[in-house]
């Protein structure tokens, strides 16, 4: 089973309010068996014109589990705390690659 990855590019406009989301989102991620691989931090654009503001990347045991996390009651409550705190919040779910042995 391939892992499921959620990749987010966001621009936070109200950090004080956004911190309320940051305080509860990790519990929702953990409850679904997920983990943060990236949560902010340093980055550099190596090719292209993409200029992300802040990146987060999460890993889940599967695509389906990641989708269930997004739709879960716990994460819905977290998303309510995030409402109105970002200029934009782009999130994609992608299935991990099968790498030949």
C-alpha atoms as a PDB file:
ATOM      1  CA  UNK A   1       0.000   0.000   0.000  1.00  0.00           C
ATOM      2  CA  UNK A   2       1.418   3.372  -1.027  1.00  0.00           C
ATOM      3  CA  UNK A   3       1.436   6.225   1.468  1.00  0.00           C
ATOM      4  CA  UNK A   4      -0.781   9.260   0.983  1.00  0.00           C
ATOM      5  CA  UNK A   5       0.775  12.706   1.175  1.00  0.00           C
ATOM      6  CA  UNK A   6      -0.914  16.035   1.805  1.00  0.00           C
ATOM      7  CA  UNK A   7       1.037  19.047   0.546  1.00  0.00           C
ATOM      8  CA  UNK A   8       0.015  22.560   1.567  1.00  0.00           C
ATOM      9  CA  UNK A   9       1.148  25.997   0.412  1.00  0.00           C
ATOM     10  CA  UNK A  10      -0.286  28.811   2.509  1.00  0.00           C
ATOM     11  CA  UNK A  11       0.122  32.456   3.324  1.00  0.00           C
ATOM     12  CA  UNK A  12      -0.830  33.170   6.923  1.00  0.00           C
ATOM     13  CA  UNK A  13      -2.377  36.599   7.437  1.00  0.00           C
ATOM     14  CA  UNK A  14      -3.396  36.293  11.117  1.00  0.00           C
ATOM     15  CA  UNK A  15      -0.698  34.334  12.968  1.00  0.00           C
ATOM     16  CA  UNK A  16      -2.269  34.821  16.410  1.00  0.00           C
ATOM     17  CA  UNK A  17      -5.517  33.180  15.281  1.00  0.00           C
ATOM     18  CA  UNK A  18      -3.686  30.611  13.106  1.00  0.00           C
ATOM     19  CA  UNK A  19      -1.819  29.398  16.191  1.00  0.00           C
ATOM     20  CA  UNK A  20      -5.150  28.118  17.526  1.00  0.00           C
ATOM     21  CA  UNK A  21      -5.318  25.868  14.445  1.00  0.00           C
ATOM     22  CA  UNK A  22      -1.695  24.819  14.948  1.00  0.00           C
ATOM     23  CA  UNK A  23      -2.532  23.828  18.523  1.00  0.00           C
ATOM     24  CA  UNK A  24      -5.257  21.338  17.522  1.00  0.00           C
ATOM     25  CA  UNK A  25      -4.342  20.105  14.028  1.00  0.00           C
ATOM     26  CA  UNK A  26      -1.508  17.770  15.175  1.00  0.00           C
ATOM     27  CA  UNK A  27      -3.950  15.717  17.293  1.00  0.00           C
ATOM     28  CA  UNK A  28      -6.188  15.217  14.250  1.00  0.00           C
ATOM     29  CA  UNK A  29      -3.170  14.199  12.159  1.00  0.00           C
ATOM     30  CA  UNK A  30      -1.946  11.731  14.813  1.00  0.00           C
ATOM     31  CA  UNK A  31      -5.432  10.248  15.299  1.00  0.00           C
ATOM     32  CA  UNK A  32      -5.417   9.297  11.604  1.00  0.00           C
ATOM     33  CA  UNK A  33      -1.952   7.736  11.810  1.00  0.00           C
ATOM     34  CA  UNK A  34      -0.347  10.675  10.039  1.00  0.00           C
ATOM     35  CA  UNK A  35       2.841  12.577  10.669  1.00  0.00           C
ATOM     36  CA  UNK A  36       4.262  15.951   9.706  1.00  0.00           C
ATOM     37  CA  UNK A  37       7.258  15.719   7.392  1.00  0.00           C
ATOM     38  CA  UNK A  38       7.460  19.478   6.838  1.00  0.00           C
ATOM     39  CA  UNK A  39       5.798  22.249   8.835  1.00  0.00           C
ATOM     40  CA  UNK A  40       7.179  25.610   7.771  1.00  0.00           C
ATOM     41  CA  UNK A  41      10.918  25.940   7.759  1.00  0.00           C
ATOM     42  CA  UNK A  42      13.517  27.022   5.278  1.00  0.00           C
ATOM     43  CA  UNK A  43      13.048  26.403   1.565  1.00  0.00           C
ATOM     44  CA  UNK A  44      14.583  27.410  -1.745  1.00  0.00           C
ATOM     45  CA  UNK A  45      13.038  27.389  -5.226  1.00  0.00           C
ATOM     46  CA  UNK A  46      15.410  25.342  -7.365  1.00  0.00           C
ATOM     47  CA  UNK A  47      13.530  25.512 -10.690  1.00  0.00           C
ATOM     48  CA  UNK A  48      10.527  27.324 -12.056  1.00  0.00           C
ATOM     49  CA  UNK A  49       8.583  30.321 -10.835  1.00  0.00           C
ATOM     50  CA  UNK A  50       6.865  28.832  -7.783  1.00  0.00           C
ATOM     51  CA  UNK A  51       7.370  31.119  -4.792  1.00  0.00           C
ATOM     52  CA  UNK A  52       5.637  29.371  -1.908  1.00  0.00           C
ATOM     53  CA  UNK A  53       4.920  31.287   1.235  1.00  0.00           C
ATOM     54  CA  UNK A  54       4.873  28.477   3.810  1.00  0.00           C
ATOM     55  CA  UNK A  55       4.915  24.738   3.068  1.00  0.00           C
ATOM     56  CA  UNK A  56       3.571  21.815   5.072  1.00  0.00           C
ATOM     57  CA  UNK A  57       3.748  18.151   4.088  1.00  0.00           C
ATOM     58  CA  UNK A  58       2.053  15.292   5.891  1.00  0.00           C
ATOM     59  CA  UNK A  59       2.356  11.550   5.407  1.00  0.00           C
ATOM     60  CA  UNK A  60      -0.434   9.031   6.026  1.00  0.00           C
ATOM     61  CA  UNK A  61      -0.441   5.240   5.676  1.00  0.00           C
ATOM     62  CA  UNK A  62      -2.535   5.478   2.474  1.00  0.00           C
ATOM     63  CA  UNK A  63      -4.341   7.879   0.152  1.00  0.00           C
ATOM     64  CA  UNK A  64      -7.678   6.715   1.574  1.00  0.00           C
ATOM     65  CA  UNK A  65      -6.598   7.299   5.171  1.00  0.00           C
ATOM     66  CA  UNK A  66      -5.372  10.799   4.290  1.00  0.00           C
ATOM     67  CA  UNK A  67      -8.729  11.576   2.660  1.00  0.00           C
ATOM     68  CA  UNK A  68     -10.558  10.220   5.723  1.00  0.00           C
ATOM     69  CA  UNK A  69      -8.380  12.467   7.915  1.00  0.00           C
ATOM     70  CA  UNK A  70      -9.410  15.517   5.887  1.00  0.00           C
ATOM     71  CA  UNK A  71     -13.091  14.614   6.253  1.00  0.00           C
ATOM     72  CA  UNK A  72     -12.842  13.665   9.957  1.00  0.00           C
ATOM     73  CA  UNK A  73     -14.688  15.474  12.734  1.00  0.00           C
ATOM     74  CA  UNK A  74     -11.382  16.302  14.440  1.00  0.00           C
ATOM     75  CA  UNK A  75      -9.938  17.966  11.368  1.00  0.00           C
ATOM     76  CA  UNK A  76     -13.190  19.749  10.521  1.00  0.00           C
ATOM     77  CA  UNK A  77     -13.007  21.359  13.963  1.00  0.00           C
ATOM     78  CA  UNK A  78      -9.373  22.324  13.319  1.00  0.00           C
ATOM     79  CA  UNK A  79     -10.293  23.829   9.923  1.00  0.00           C
ATOM     80  CA  UNK A  80     -12.915  26.003  11.618  1.00  0.00           C
ATOM     81  CA  UNK A  81     -10.150  27.496  13.774  1.00  0.00           C
ATOM     82  CA  UNK A  82      -8.129  28.192  10.610  1.00  0.00           C
ATOM     83  CA  UNK A  83     -10.989  29.965   8.861  1.00  0.00           C
ATOM     84  CA  UNK A  84     -10.108  33.554   7.975  1.00  0.00           C
ATOM     85  CA  UNK A  85      -6.469  33.262   9.061  1.00  0.00           C
ATOM     86  CA  UNK A  86      -4.820  32.878   5.654  1.00  0.00           C
ATOM     87  CA  UNK A  87      -4.609  34.867   2.450  1.00  0.00           C
ATOM     88  CA  UNK A  88      -4.614  31.486   0.688  1.00  0.00           C
ATOM     89  CA  UNK A  89      -4.425  27.840   1.736  1.00  0.00           C
ATOM     90  CA  UNK A  90      -3.790  25.410  -1.119  1.00  0.00           C
ATOM     91  CA  UNK A  91      -3.900  21.717  -0.207  1.00  0.00           C
ATOM     92  CA  UNK A  92      -3.428  18.676  -2.438  1.00  0.00           C
ATOM     93  CA  UNK A  93      -3.524  14.964  -1.689  1.00  0.00           C
ATOM     94  CA  UNK A  94      -1.229  12.725  -3.706  1.00  0.00           C
ATOM     95  CA  UNK A  95      -0.536   9.011  -3.631  1.00  0.00           C
ATOM     96  CA  UNK A  96       3.072   7.989  -3.026  1.00  0.00           C
ATOM     97  CA  UNK A  97       5.119   6.259  -5.715  1.00  0.00           C
ATOM     98  CA  UNK A  98       5.695   2.548  -6.001  1.00  0.00           C
ATOM     99  CA  UNK A  99       9.441   2.184  -6.263  1.00  0.00           C
ATOM    100  CA  UNK A 100      10.774  -1.012  -7.861  1.00  0.00           C
ATOM    101  CA  UNK A 101      13.087  -3.030  -5.638  1.00  0.00           C
END
